[in-house]
Every structure is written in structure tokens, then in C-alpha cells.
Amino acid sequence: MSENSSSLERQKQMLHRIHRIQGQVTALERRISDEKSCEALVIHARAIERATASLITFMICCHLEEQLQESMQDGSHSALREIERLLTLIRL
């Protein structure tokens, strides 16, 4: 798979995840308007939280792949520094 088609596929996957999250948020708004129980709202909100966390993890993985590809091409050690920086970010 070429770098460009790989990038387009990652973009497509990210947008798909965002659209799913948007649908979940819209459903949560409806549940609030329908006066669903707080417990049901929390369960739905946690699903949104997990979907968002999954999107962030996917984005970080994409970034790491890009950094590693660049590092392998130019022979630098910048990817290692970037991985360390991102691991710190993940732990926040």
C-alpha cells in the first residue's frame, strides 16, 4: 500500500469514528430530552468516552507510524524521541 493510500485509509477510519461519536452524542441528547434515568445517561456517556479514547489512541498510532516511516527514511533518531513524548502524553 502506498503512503498516500495508507494516509487516505487512516483519514477515512478517523472520520468514520468521529461520525460514530457524533451519532452517540446526538442519541445522548435525545435521551436527556426524553428524561431517561441518570444511570442510563451515564452508561451512554461512558460509551462516548470510550469511543473518544479509542479515536485518540488510533490517532496516536497513526502519528507513530508516520514518525517511524520518516525516521527510517532519513536514518535519524527523532522517532524515538517522538515515541517518548507521545508516551508521556498518553499517561496524562
Protein backbone atom coordinates (compact mmCIF):
# COMPACT_ATOMS: atom_id res chain seq x y z
CA MET A 1 0.00 0.00 0.00
CA SER A 2 1.43 3.38 -0.95
CA GLU A 3 1.98 6.07 1.65
CA ASN A 4 -0.76 8.23 0.11
CA SER A 5 -3.36 5.44 0.02
CA SER A 6 -2.40 4.47 3.57
CA SER A 7 -2.89 8.07 4.67
CA LEU A 8 -6.27 8.23 2.93
CA GLU A 9 -7.35 4.98 4.61
CA ARG A 10 -6.35 6.31 8.04
CA GLN A 11 -8.24 9.53 7.35
CA LYS A 12 -11.31 7.53 6.33
CA GLN A 13 -11.11 5.46 9.52
CA MET A 14 -10.76 8.57 11.70
CA LEU A 15 -13.74 10.25 10.06
CA HIS A 16 -15.80 7.09 10.48
CA ARG A 17 -15.00 7.05 14.20
CA ILE A 18 -15.86 10.74 14.53
CA HIS A 19 -19.20 10.21 12.81
CA ARG A 20 -19.98 7.35 15.20
CA ILE A 21 -19.16 9.58 18.16
CA GLN A 22 -21.35 12.35 16.74
CA GLY A 23 -24.21 9.86 16.45
CA GLN A 24 -23.68 8.77 20.04
CA VAL A 25 -23.73 12.40 21.24
CA THR A 26 -26.95 13.04 19.31
CA ALA A 27 -28.50 9.94 20.86
CA LEU A 28 -27.44 11.11 24.32
CA GLU A 29 -29.10 14.48 23.69
CA ARG A 30 -32.32 12.67 22.76
CA ARG A 31 -32.10 10.52 25.90
CA ILE A 32 -31.70 13.65 28.03
CA SER A 33 -34.72 15.26 26.32
CA ASP A 34 -36.70 12.05 26.85
CA GLU A 35 -35.85 12.30 30.56
CA LYS A 36 -34.13 8.94 30.76
CA SER A 37 -32.67 7.89 34.09
CA CYS A 38 -29.34 9.31 35.17
CA GLU A 39 -27.95 5.79 35.20
CA ALA A 40 -28.87 5.30 31.53
CA LEU A 41 -27.32 8.66 30.69
CA VAL A 42 -24.09 7.80 32.47
CA ILE A 43 -23.85 4.46 30.67
CA HIS A 44 -24.34 6.20 27.33
CA ALA A 45 -21.87 8.96 28.20
CA ARG A 46 -19.26 6.35 29.17
CA ALA A 47 -19.69 4.73 25.75
CA ILE A 48 -18.93 8.11 24.18
CA GLU A 49 -15.90 8.44 26.43
CA ARG A 50 -14.59 5.02 25.36
CA ALA A 51 -15.18 5.80 21.68
CA THR A 52 -13.31 9.10 22.07
CA ALA A 53 -10.42 7.39 23.87
CA SER A 54 -10.28 4.82 21.08
CA LEU A 55 -10.13 7.61 18.47
CA ILE A 56 -7.27 9.31 20.33
CA THR A 57 -5.36 6.03 20.57
CA PHE A 58 -5.85 5.45 16.84
CA MET A 59 -4.59 8.97 16.06
CA ILE A 60 -1.50 8.47 18.23
CA CYS A 61 -0.77 5.16 16.50
CA CYS A 62 -1.08 6.86 13.11
CA HIS A 63 1.33 9.56 14.21
CA LEU A 64 3.82 6.98 15.48
CA GLU A 65 3.66 5.11 12.17
CA GLU A 66 4.35 8.34 10.29
CA GLN A 67 7.27 9.22 12.56
CA LEU A 68 8.79 5.76 12.23
CA GLN A 69 8.48 5.84 8.44
CA GLU A 70 10.18 9.25 8.32
CA SER A 71 12.89 8.15 10.72
CA MET A 72 13.62 5.03 8.69
CA GLN A 73 13.92 7.13 5.54
CA ASP A 74 16.30 9.73 6.94
CA GLY A 75 18.16 7.49 9.41
CA SER A 76 17.60 9.84 12.35
CA HIS A 77 16.62 9.00 15.89
CA SER A 78 13.84 11.59 16.00
CA ALA A 79 11.20 8.86 16.05
CA LEU A 80 12.47 7.54 19.37
CA ARG A 81 12.19 10.99 20.93
CA GLU A 82 8.71 11.37 19.47
CA ILE A 83 7.63 7.99 20.86
CA GLU A 84 8.86 9.01 24.31
CA ARG A 85 6.98 12.32 24.04
CA LEU A 86 3.78 10.55 22.99
CA LEU A 87 4.01 8.00 25.76
CA THR A 88 4.17 10.90 28.20
CA LEU A 89 1.10 12.40 26.52
CA ILE A 90 -0.81 9.12 26.78
CA ARG A 91 -0.12 8.95 30.51
CA LEU A 92 -1.71 12.38 31.17
